[in-house]
């Protein structure tokens, strides 16, 4: 491992300075690692009709954009949530001492290219021993209704090892797909966009995929959606509902487009919310 791991109060960080790429968080018996795929300046133009006053207040000076995947070391299994572009992912796994062959399951929040890019290459599964899990609505949209070659090619090498499910709702019918890991609907960003709730020893963590892209404005003004959303209105409703739920229940969150460490707690503030990161 290239960098020593610092452990303090259950939080472990790799001290990589401006190049920080891995962050670890404990949830009961689960070790959850943020794996940063890339970061750079974001484009305010992705926001749909943001009020000028909000842009001036929250986005003055711009904002940073990031793409992440998450690794879960659980008792008896290794689980990956999304695969990013499949770029820095494998270096990050190697830094943690994890070989692709050791990954038992890959959970997919949705099938945009920056989330499934590391699933397959040249017709071969990059996680040969893993099962792939995703929402039925998501698979059907990208492989049938709105046929996407990249999505088809990402799943094809896994064949019968692809498991589809119908996610339930947070706080009630969330579906357990693996021990201690439940899937819940967060539709809107894509038709089957799914969040994953980890529970172990009374502790929880919600890995929420693309519920949010521009945190500097979407926390305080969660009704604002982005051009990447398939259904912007539904995406906003999912975001508002889930923000309210995690804030009320004190559940830490992790996001694919939250900036490093990409893990933190959500708190109500005025008419919106704020994120207190886990560092």
C-alpha atoms as a PDB file:
ATOM      1  CA  UNK A   1       0.000   0.000   0.000  1.00  0.00           C
ATOM      2  CA  UNK A   2       1.510   3.297  -1.075  1.00  0.00           C
ATOM      3  CA  UNK A   3       0.170   5.407   1.773  1.00  0.00           C
ATOM      4  CA  UNK A   4      -0.140   4.703   5.460  1.00  0.00           C
ATOM      5  CA  UNK A   5      -3.668   4.557   6.769  1.00  0.00           C
ATOM      6  CA  UNK A   6      -4.476   6.879   9.656  1.00  0.00           C
ATOM      7  CA  UNK A   7      -7.127   5.646  12.070  1.00  0.00           C
ATOM      8  CA  UNK A   8      -8.872   8.044  14.433  1.00  0.00           C
ATOM      9  CA  UNK A   9     -12.331   7.641  15.951  1.00  0.00           C
ATOM     10  CA  UNK A  10     -13.275   5.101  13.284  1.00  0.00           C
ATOM     11  CA  UNK A  11     -12.309   7.408  10.417  1.00  0.00           C
ATOM     12  CA  UNK A  12      -9.377   6.493   8.206  1.00  0.00           C
ATOM     13  CA  UNK A  13      -7.871   8.796   5.597  1.00  0.00           C
ATOM     14  CA  UNK A  14      -5.074   8.330   3.127  1.00  0.00           C
ATOM     15  CA  UNK A  15      -2.924  11.475   3.442  1.00  0.00           C
ATOM     16  CA  UNK A  16      -2.561  12.281  -0.226  1.00  0.00           C
ATOM     17  CA  UNK A  17      -2.828  16.064   0.047  1.00  0.00           C
ATOM     18  CA  UNK A  18      -4.322  17.644  -3.059  1.00  0.00           C
ATOM     19  CA  UNK A  19      -4.372  14.209  -4.677  1.00  0.00           C
ATOM     20  CA  UNK A  20      -6.556  12.546  -2.038  1.00  0.00           C
ATOM     21  CA  UNK A  21      -8.234   9.583  -3.670  1.00  0.00           C
ATOM     22  CA  UNK A  22      -9.310   7.204  -0.886  1.00  0.00           C
ATOM     23  CA  UNK A  23     -11.303   7.798   2.294  1.00  0.00           C
ATOM     24  CA  UNK A  24     -12.606   5.143   4.660  1.00  0.00           C
ATOM     25  CA  UNK A  25     -15.556   5.103   7.029  1.00  0.00           C
ATOM     26  CA  UNK A  26     -16.772   2.471   9.476  1.00  0.00           C
ATOM     27  CA  UNK A  27     -20.434   1.480   9.646  1.00  0.00           C
ATOM     28  CA  UNK A  28     -20.697  -1.277  12.215  1.00  0.00           C
ATOM     29  CA  UNK A  29     -18.864  -4.258  10.755  1.00  0.00           C
ATOM     30  CA  UNK A  30     -18.639  -2.611   7.322  1.00  0.00           C
ATOM     31  CA  UNK A  31     -15.565  -0.748   6.109  1.00  0.00           C
ATOM     32  CA  UNK A  32     -16.644   1.654   3.352  1.00  0.00           C
ATOM     33  CA  UNK A  33     -14.081   3.319   1.105  1.00  0.00           C
ATOM     34  CA  UNK A  34     -14.584   6.313  -1.155  1.00  0.00           C
ATOM     35  CA  UNK A  35     -12.670   5.680  -4.394  1.00  0.00           C
ATOM     36  CA  UNK A  36     -12.196   8.941  -6.286  1.00  0.00           C
ATOM     37  CA  UNK A  37     -12.248   8.472 -10.055  1.00  0.00           C
ATOM     38  CA  UNK A  38     -11.665  12.070 -11.089  1.00  0.00           C
ATOM     39  CA  UNK A  39     -12.195  15.655 -10.016  1.00  0.00           C
ATOM     40  CA  UNK A  40     -12.097  19.048 -11.629  1.00  0.00           C
ATOM     41  CA  UNK A  41     -13.955  22.337 -12.026  1.00  0.00           C
ATOM     42  CA  UNK A  42     -17.700  21.940 -12.466  1.00  0.00           C
ATOM     43  CA  UNK A  43     -19.948  23.644 -15.020  1.00  0.00           C
ATOM     44  CA  UNK A  44     -22.793  25.769 -13.606  1.00  0.00           C
ATOM     45  CA  UNK A  45     -24.576  25.276 -16.926  1.00  0.00           C
ATOM     46  CA  UNK A  46     -25.654  21.783 -15.857  1.00  0.00           C
ATOM     47  CA  UNK A  47     -28.132  23.360 -13.412  1.00  0.00           C
ATOM     48  CA  UNK A  48     -31.696  23.807 -14.639  1.00  0.00           C
ATOM     49  CA  UNK A  49     -33.021  27.341 -14.154  1.00  0.00           C
ATOM     50  CA  UNK A  50     -31.111  28.198 -10.972  1.00  0.00           C
ATOM     51  CA  UNK A  51     -32.205  31.556  -9.518  1.00  0.00           C
ATOM     52  CA  UNK A  52     -29.508  34.194 -10.134  1.00  0.00           C
ATOM     53  CA  UNK A  53     -29.462  35.103  -6.445  1.00  0.00           C
ATOM     54  CA  UNK A  54     -28.753  31.474  -5.559  1.00  0.00           C
ATOM     55  CA  UNK A  55     -25.946  31.231  -8.093  1.00  0.00           C
ATOM     56  CA  UNK A  56     -24.397  34.430  -6.799  1.00  0.00           C
ATOM     57  CA  UNK A  57     -24.665  33.318  -3.186  1.00  0.00           C
ATOM     58  CA  UNK A  58     -23.640  29.682  -3.410  1.00  0.00           C
ATOM     59  CA  UNK A  59     -21.559  29.332  -6.562  1.00  0.00           C
ATOM     60  CA  UNK A  60     -19.424  32.432  -6.425  1.00  0.00           C
ATOM     61  CA  UNK A  61     -15.939  31.244  -7.263  1.00  0.00           C
ATOM     62  CA  UNK A  62     -17.239  28.104  -8.980  1.00  0.00           C
ATOM     63  CA  UNK A  63     -17.397  24.600  -7.623  1.00  0.00           C
ATOM     64  CA  UNK A  64     -15.503  21.333  -7.752  1.00  0.00           C
ATOM     65  CA  UNK A  65     -16.934  18.286  -9.503  1.00  0.00           C
ATOM     66  CA  UNK A  66     -15.989  14.746  -8.590  1.00  0.00           C
ATOM     67  CA  UNK A  67     -16.855  11.175  -9.603  1.00  0.00           C
ATOM     68  CA  UNK A  68     -16.598   8.399  -7.009  1.00  0.00           C
ATOM     69  CA  UNK A  69     -17.222   4.708  -6.554  1.00  0.00           C
ATOM     70  CA  UNK A  70     -17.450   2.972  -3.170  1.00  0.00           C
ATOM     71  CA  UNK A  71     -15.903  -0.238  -1.897  1.00  0.00           C
ATOM     72  CA  UNK A  72     -17.487  -2.133   0.992  1.00  0.00           C
ATOM     73  CA  UNK A  73     -15.518  -4.674   2.959  1.00  0.00           C
ATOM     74  CA  UNK A  74     -18.251  -6.651   4.682  1.00  0.00           C
ATOM     75  CA  UNK A  75     -17.982  -9.825   6.771  1.00  0.00           C
ATOM     76  CA  UNK A  76     -17.430 -12.629   4.277  1.00  0.00           C
ATOM     77  CA  UNK A  77     -17.670 -10.523   1.123  1.00  0.00           C
ATOM     78  CA  UNK A  78     -16.267  -7.596  -0.833  1.00  0.00           C
ATOM     79  CA  UNK A  79     -18.809  -5.333  -2.522  1.00  0.00           C
ATOM     80  CA  UNK A  80     -18.318  -2.501  -5.003  1.00  0.00           C
ATOM     81  CA  UNK A  81     -20.973   0.167  -5.517  1.00  0.00           C
ATOM     82  CA  UNK A  82     -20.640   1.488  -9.075  1.00  0.00           C
ATOM     83  CA  UNK A  83     -17.409   1.297 -11.064  1.00  0.00           C
ATOM     84  CA  UNK A  84     -16.884   4.895 -12.143  1.00  0.00           C
ATOM     85  CA  UNK A  85     -15.222   5.257 -15.528  1.00  0.00           C
ATOM     86  CA  UNK A  86     -12.980   2.297 -14.752  1.00  0.00           C
ATOM     87  CA  UNK A  87      -9.968   4.621 -14.785  1.00  0.00           C
ATOM     88  CA  UNK A  88      -8.440   5.307 -11.354  1.00  0.00           C
ATOM     89  CA  UNK A  89     -10.711   2.620  -9.906  1.00  0.00           C
ATOM     90  CA  UNK A  90      -8.242  -0.212 -10.297  1.00  0.00           C
ATOM     91  CA  UNK A  91      -5.299   1.750  -8.906  1.00  0.00           C
ATOM     92  CA  UNK A  92      -7.419   2.644  -5.894  1.00  0.00           C
ATOM     93  CA  UNK A  93      -8.404  -0.984  -5.370  1.00  0.00           C
ATOM     94  CA  UNK A  94      -4.775  -2.029  -5.645  1.00  0.00           C
ATOM     95  CA  UNK A  95      -3.811   0.580  -3.022  1.00  0.00           C
ATOM     96  CA  UNK A  96      -6.289  -1.125  -0.692  1.00  0.00           C
ATOM     97  CA  UNK A  97      -4.899  -4.560  -1.459  1.00  0.00           C
ATOM     98  CA  UNK A  98      -8.038  -5.652  -3.329  1.00  0.00           C
ATOM     99  CA  UNK A  99      -7.794  -7.565  -6.599  1.00  0.00           C
ATOM    100  CA  UNK A 100     -10.769  -7.442  -9.016  1.00  0.00           C
ATOM    101  CA  UNK A 101     -11.085 -11.222  -8.618  1.00  0.00           C
ATOM    102  CA  UNK A 102     -11.831 -10.706  -4.918  1.00  0.00           C
ATOM    103  CA  UNK A 103     -14.950  -8.601  -5.531  1.00  0.00           C
ATOM    104  CA  UNK A 104     -18.044 -10.701  -4.854  1.00  0.00           C
ATOM    105  CA  UNK A 105     -20.759  -8.239  -5.889  1.00  0.00           C
ATOM    106  CA  UNK A 106     -21.103  -5.012  -7.861  1.00  0.00           C
ATOM    107  CA  UNK A 107     -24.147  -2.897  -7.007  1.00  0.00           C
ATOM    108  CA  UNK A 108     -25.193  -0.408  -9.681  1.00  0.00           C
ATOM    109  CA  UNK A 109     -27.014   2.785  -8.726  1.00  0.00           C
ATOM    110  CA  UNK A 110     -27.785   3.506 -12.397  1.00  0.00           C
ATOM    111  CA  UNK A 111     -26.345   2.923 -15.839  1.00  0.00           C
ATOM    112  CA  UNK A 112     -24.747   6.195 -16.873  1.00  0.00           C
ATOM    113  CA  UNK A 113     -21.258   5.702 -18.293  1.00  0.00           C
ATOM    114  CA  UNK A 114     -19.453   7.205 -15.308  1.00  0.00           C
ATOM    115  CA  UNK A 115     -20.981   4.482 -13.122  1.00  0.00           C
ATOM    116  CA  UNK A 116     -20.609   1.376 -15.283  1.00  0.00           C
ATOM    117  CA  UNK A 117     -17.417   2.189 -17.193  1.00  0.00           C
ATOM    118  CA  UNK A 118     -15.383  -0.235 -15.100  1.00  0.00           C
ATOM    119  CA  UNK A 119     -17.681  -3.238 -15.428  1.00  0.00           C
ATOM    120  CA  UNK A 120     -16.340  -4.695 -18.667  1.00  0.00           C
ATOM    121  CA  UNK A 121     -13.763  -4.147 -21.374  1.00  0.00           C
ATOM    122  CA  UNK A 122     -13.324  -5.788 -24.776  1.00  0.00           C
ATOM    123  CA  UNK A 123     -16.178  -8.150 -24.032  1.00  0.00           C
ATOM    124  CA  UNK A 124     -14.684  -9.393 -20.755  1.00  0.00           C
ATOM    125  CA  UNK A 125     -15.943  -8.939 -17.211  1.00  0.00           C
ATOM    126  CA  UNK A 126     -13.452  -6.904 -15.195  1.00  0.00           C
ATOM    127  CA  UNK A 127     -14.819  -8.433 -11.984  1.00  0.00           C
ATOM    128  CA  UNK A 128     -14.973 -12.052 -13.106  1.00  0.00           C
ATOM    129  CA  UNK A 129     -16.197 -13.539  -9.830  1.00  0.00           C
ATOM    130  CA  UNK A 130     -18.801 -10.900  -9.055  1.00  0.00           C
ATOM    131  CA  UNK A 131     -22.539 -10.866  -9.412  1.00  0.00           C
ATOM    132  CA  UNK A 132     -24.029  -7.601 -10.679  1.00  0.00           C
ATOM    133  CA  UNK A 133     -27.133  -6.129  -9.012  1.00  0.00           C
ATOM    134  CA  UNK A 134     -29.327  -3.364 -10.411  1.00  0.00           C
ATOM    135  CA  UNK A 135     -32.945  -2.263 -10.511  1.00  0.00           C
ATOM    136  CA  UNK A 136     -35.124  -3.974 -13.095  1.00  0.00           C
ATOM    137  CA  UNK A 137     -36.462  -0.618 -14.326  1.00  0.00           C
ATOM    138  CA  UNK A 138     -32.919   0.622 -14.849  1.00  0.00           C
ATOM    139  CA  UNK A 139     -31.779  -2.412 -16.801  1.00  0.00           C
ATOM    140  CA  UNK A 140     -34.881  -2.441 -18.969  1.00  0.00           C
ATOM    141  CA  UNK A 141     -34.694   1.278 -19.772  1.00  0.00           C
ATOM    142  CA  UNK A 142     -31.104   1.158 -21.034  1.00  0.00           C
ATOM    143  CA  UNK A 143     -31.133  -2.264 -22.661  1.00  0.00           C
ATOM    144  CA  UNK A 144     -34.665  -2.296 -24.099  1.00  0.00           C
ATOM    145  CA  UNK A 145     -36.676   0.955 -24.026  1.00  0.00           C
ATOM    146  CA  UNK A 146     -33.823   3.375 -24.697  1.00  0.00           C
ATOM    147  CA  UNK A 147     -31.308   0.919 -26.098  1.00  0.00           C
ATOM    148  CA  UNK A 148     -27.787   1.950 -25.166  1.00  0.00           C
ATOM    149  CA  UNK A 149     -24.859   0.013 -26.565  1.00  0.00           C
ATOM    150  CA  UNK A 150     -22.596   0.850 -23.637  1.00  0.00           C
ATOM    151  CA  UNK A 151     -25.106  -0.485 -21.130  1.00  0.00           C
ATOM    152  CA  UNK A 152     -25.662  -3.684 -23.111  1.00  0.00           C
ATOM    153  CA  UNK A 153     -21.932  -4.308 -23.470  1.00  0.00           C
ATOM    154  CA  UNK A 154     -21.291  -3.612 -19.778  1.00  0.00           C
ATOM    155  CA  UNK A 155     -23.753  -6.299 -18.653  1.00  0.00           C
ATOM    156  CA  UNK A 156     -23.249  -8.888 -21.389  1.00  0.00           C
ATOM    157  CA  UNK A 157     -20.104 -10.592 -19.995  1.00  0.00           C
ATOM    158  CA  UNK A 158     -21.850 -11.235 -16.678  1.00  0.00           C
ATOM    159  CA  UNK A 159     -24.668 -13.230 -18.268  1.00  0.00           C
ATOM    160  CA  UNK A 160     -26.690 -15.095 -15.662  1.00  0.00           C
ATOM    161  CA  UNK A 161     -24.767 -13.390 -12.859  1.00  0.00           C
ATOM    162  CA  UNK A 162     -26.872 -10.242 -13.317  1.00  0.00           C
ATOM    163  CA  UNK A 163     -29.595  -9.976 -10.665  1.00  0.00           C
ATOM    164  CA  UNK A 164     -32.378  -7.426 -11.065  1.00  0.00           C
ATOM    165  CA  UNK A 165     -34.666  -6.254  -8.284  1.00  0.00           C
ATOM    166  CA  UNK A 166     -37.444  -3.810  -7.503  1.00  0.00           C
ATOM    167  CA  UNK A 167     -36.203  -1.367  -4.860  1.00  0.00           C
ATOM    168  CA  UNK A 168     -38.562  -0.442  -2.056  1.00  0.00           C
ATOM    169  CA  UNK A 169     -38.795   2.802  -0.098  1.00  0.00           C
ATOM    170  CA  UNK A 170     -36.535   4.196   2.602  1.00  0.00           C
ATOM    171  CA  UNK A 171     -38.011   3.868   6.050  1.00  0.00           C
ATOM    172  CA  UNK A 172     -40.351   1.080   5.092  1.00  0.00           C
ATOM    173  CA  UNK A 173     -40.074  -1.367   2.229  1.00  0.00           C
ATOM    174  CA  UNK A 174     -36.397  -1.036   1.238  1.00  0.00           C
ATOM    175  CA  UNK A 175     -35.365  -4.401  -0.225  1.00  0.00           C
ATOM    176  CA  UNK A 176     -32.482  -6.355   1.339  1.00  0.00           C
ATOM    177  CA  UNK A 177     -30.359  -7.586  -1.560  1.00  0.00           C
ATOM    178  CA  UNK A 178     -27.330  -8.685   0.469  1.00  0.00           C
ATOM    179  CA  UNK A 179     -26.962  -9.128   4.235  1.00  0.00           C
ATOM    180  CA  UNK A 180     -27.072  -5.662   5.775  1.00  0.00           C
ATOM    181  CA  UNK A 181     -27.525  -3.882   2.437  1.00  0.00           C
ATOM    182  CA  UNK A 182     -30.936  -2.644   1.276  1.00  0.00           C
ATOM    183  CA  UNK A 183     -31.976  -1.057  -2.020  1.00  0.00           C
ATOM    184  CA  UNK A 184     -34.402   1.875  -2.126  1.00  0.00           C
ATOM    185  CA  UNK A 185     -35.900   3.848  -4.985  1.00  0.00           C
ATOM    186  CA  UNK A 186     -34.598   7.321  -5.819  1.00  0.00           C
ATOM    187  CA  UNK A 187     -36.080   7.566  -9.291  1.00  0.00           C
ATOM    188  CA  UNK A 188     -35.796  10.649 -11.475  1.00  0.00           C
ATOM    189  CA  UNK A 189     -32.119  11.009 -12.243  1.00  0.00           C
ATOM    190  CA  UNK A 190     -32.741   7.869 -14.282  1.00  0.00           C
ATOM    191  CA  UNK A 191     -35.867   5.685 -14.338  1.00  0.00           C
ATOM    192  CA  UNK A 192     -34.420   3.090 -11.949  1.00  0.00           C
ATOM    193  CA  UNK A 193     -31.914   5.150  -9.973  1.00  0.00           C
ATOM    194  CA  UNK A 194     -31.305   3.330  -6.694  1.00  0.00           C
ATOM    195  CA  UNK A 195     -29.745   4.186  -3.334  1.00  0.00           C
ATOM    196  CA  UNK A 196     -28.226   1.597  -1.000  1.00  0.00           C
ATOM    197  CA  UNK A 197     -28.672   1.608   2.769  1.00  0.00           C
ATOM    198  CA  UNK A 198     -26.046  -0.167   4.858  1.00  0.00           C
ATOM    199  CA  UNK A 199     -26.980  -1.311   8.367  1.00  0.00           C
ATOM    200  CA  UNK A 200     -24.690  -3.024  10.866  1.00  0.00           C
ATOM    201  CA  UNK A 201     -24.616  -3.083  14.669  1.00  0.00           C
ATOM    202  CA  UNK A 202     -27.160  -0.288  14.876  1.00  0.00           C
ATOM    203  CA  UNK A 203     -25.217   2.007  12.526  1.00  0.00           C
ATOM    204  CA  UNK A 204     -26.286   3.084   9.040  1.00  0.00           C
ATOM    205  CA  UNK A 205     -24.859   4.683   5.903  1.00  0.00           C
ATOM    206  CA  UNK A 206     -26.784   5.663   2.773  1.00  0.00           C
ATOM    207  CA  UNK A 207     -24.830   5.487  -0.490  1.00  0.00           C
ATOM    208  CA  UNK A 208     -27.027   7.702  -2.608  1.00  0.00           C
ATOM    209  CA  UNK A 209     -25.554   7.601  -6.104  1.00  0.00           C
ATOM    210  CA  UNK A 210     -26.417  10.672  -8.179  1.00  0.00           C
ATOM    211  CA  UNK A 211     -29.033  12.146  -5.887  1.00  0.00           C
ATOM    212  CA  UNK A 212     -26.974  15.332  -6.115  1.00  0.00           C
ATOM    213  CA  UNK A 213     -24.384  16.754  -8.552  1.00  0.00           C
ATOM    214  CA  UNK A 214     -23.657  20.319  -7.395  1.00  0.00           C
ATOM    215  CA  UNK A 215     -23.656  20.162  -3.617  1.00  0.00           C
ATOM    216  CA  UNK A 216     -22.835  23.833  -3.061  1.00  0.00           C
ATOM    217  CA  UNK A 217     -26.301  24.796  -4.340  1.00  0.00           C
ATOM    218  CA  UNK A 218     -28.381  21.594  -4.212  1.00  0.00           C
ATOM    219  CA  UNK A 219     -28.081  21.206  -0.434  1.00  0.00           C
ATOM    220  CA  UNK A 220     -29.425  24.682   0.346  1.00  0.00           C
ATOM    221  CA  UNK A 221     -31.746  24.643  -2.693  1.00  0.00           C
ATOM    222  CA  UNK A 222     -32.676  20.975  -3.260  1.00  0.00           C
ATOM    223  CA  UNK A 223     -35.474  21.693  -5.745  1.00  0.00           C
ATOM    224  CA  UNK A 224     -32.877  22.555  -8.403  1.00  0.00           C
ATOM    225  CA  UNK A 225     -32.153  19.677 -10.783  1.00  0.00           C
ATOM    226  CA  UNK A 226     -29.531  19.185 -13.511  1.00  0.00           C
ATOM    227  CA  UNK A 227     -29.569  18.560 -17.229  1.00  0.00           C
ATOM    228  CA  UNK A 228     -28.328  15.001 -16.626  1.00  0.00           C
ATOM    229  CA  UNK A 229     -31.639  14.084 -14.960  1.00  0.00           C
ATOM    230  CA  UNK A 230     -34.004  12.004 -17.096  1.00  0.00           C
ATOM    231  CA  UNK A 231     -36.976  13.433 -15.191  1.00  0.00           C
ATOM    232  CA  UNK A 232     -35.849  16.624 -13.390  1.00  0.00           C
ATOM    233  CA  UNK A 233     -39.094  17.046 -11.440  1.00  0.00           C
ATOM    234  CA  UNK A 234     -39.036  13.475 -10.136  1.00  0.00           C
ATOM    235  CA  UNK A 235     -35.315  13.801  -9.346  1.00  0.00           C
ATOM    236  CA  UNK A 236     -36.044  16.873  -7.222  1.00  0.00           C
ATOM    237  CA  UNK A 237     -38.827  15.065  -5.351  1.00  0.00           C
ATOM    238  CA  UNK A 238     -36.515  12.117  -4.628  1.00  0.00           C
ATOM    239  CA  UNK A 239     -33.769  14.453  -3.450  1.00  0.00           C
ATOM    240  CA  UNK A 240     -36.050  16.426  -1.131  1.00  0.00           C
ATOM    241  CA  UNK A 241     -37.628  13.270   0.292  1.00  0.00           C
ATOM    242  CA  UNK A 242     -34.286  11.576   0.971  1.00  0.00           C
ATOM    243  CA  UNK A 243     -32.601  14.672   2.383  1.00  0.00           C
ATOM    244  CA  UNK A 244     -35.490  15.051   4.807  1.00  0.00           C
ATOM    245  CA  UNK A 245     -35.260  11.394   5.797  1.00  0.00           C
ATOM    246  CA  UNK A 246     -31.515  11.242   6.444  1.00  0.00           C
ATOM    247  CA  UNK A 247     -31.496  14.581   8.280  1.00  0.00           C
ATOM    248  CA  UNK A 248     -34.381  13.524  10.534  1.00  0.00           C
ATOM    249  CA  UNK A 249     -32.844  10.129  11.268  1.00  0.00           C
ATOM    250  CA  UNK A 250     -29.199  11.131  11.574  1.00  0.00           C
ATOM    251  CA  UNK A 251     -28.054   8.775   8.814  1.00  0.00           C
ATOM    252  CA  UNK A 252     -24.650   9.572   7.262  1.00  0.00           C
ATOM    253  CA  UNK A 253     -24.565   9.701   3.468  1.00  0.00           C
ATOM    254  CA  UNK A 254     -22.046   8.996   0.726  1.00  0.00           C
ATOM    255  CA  UNK A 255     -22.392  10.272  -2.826  1.00  0.00           C
ATOM    256  CA  UNK A 256     -20.885   9.617  -6.212  1.00  0.00           C
ATOM    257  CA  UNK A 257     -20.623  13.345  -6.952  1.00  0.00           C
ATOM    258  CA  UNK A 258     -20.036  14.711  -3.474  1.00  0.00           C
ATOM    259  CA  UNK A 259     -16.527  16.104  -3.114  1.00  0.00           C
ATOM    260  CA  UNK A 260     -13.856  14.384  -1.044  1.00  0.00           C
ATOM    261  CA  UNK A 261     -14.294  12.782   1.401  1.00  0.00           C
ATOM    262  CA  UNK A 262     -17.777  12.346  -0.142  1.00  0.00           C
ATOM    263  CA  UNK A 263     -19.142  11.113   3.210  1.00  0.00           C
ATOM    264  CA  UNK A 264     -20.885  13.206   5.839  1.00  0.00           C
ATOM    265  CA  UNK A 265     -24.019  14.026   7.779  1.00  0.00           C
ATOM    266  CA  UNK A 266     -26.948  16.122   6.555  1.00  0.00           C
ATOM    267  CA  UNK A 267     -28.449  18.859   8.713  1.00  0.00           C
ATOM    268  CA  UNK A 268     -31.491  21.061   8.197  1.00  0.00           C
ATOM    269  CA  UNK A 269     -30.620  24.708   7.668  1.00  0.00           C
ATOM    270  CA  UNK A 270     -33.189  27.370   6.811  1.00  0.00           C
ATOM    271  CA  UNK A 271     -35.326  26.112   3.929  1.00  0.00           C
ATOM    272  CA  UNK A 272     -32.675  23.637   2.854  1.00  0.00           C
ATOM    273  CA  UNK A 273     -29.813  21.562   4.182  1.00  0.00           C
ATOM    274  CA  UNK A 274     -26.072  21.554   4.698  1.00  0.00           C
ATOM    275  CA  UNK A 275     -23.501  18.763   4.676  1.00  0.00           C
ATOM    276  CA  UNK A 276     -20.962  18.340   7.440  1.00  0.00           C
ATOM    277  CA  UNK A 277     -18.234  16.186   5.948  1.00  0.00           C
ATOM    278  CA  UNK A 278     -16.784  13.287   7.881  1.00  0.00           C
ATOM    279  CA  UNK A 279     -13.262  14.592   8.325  1.00  0.00           C
END
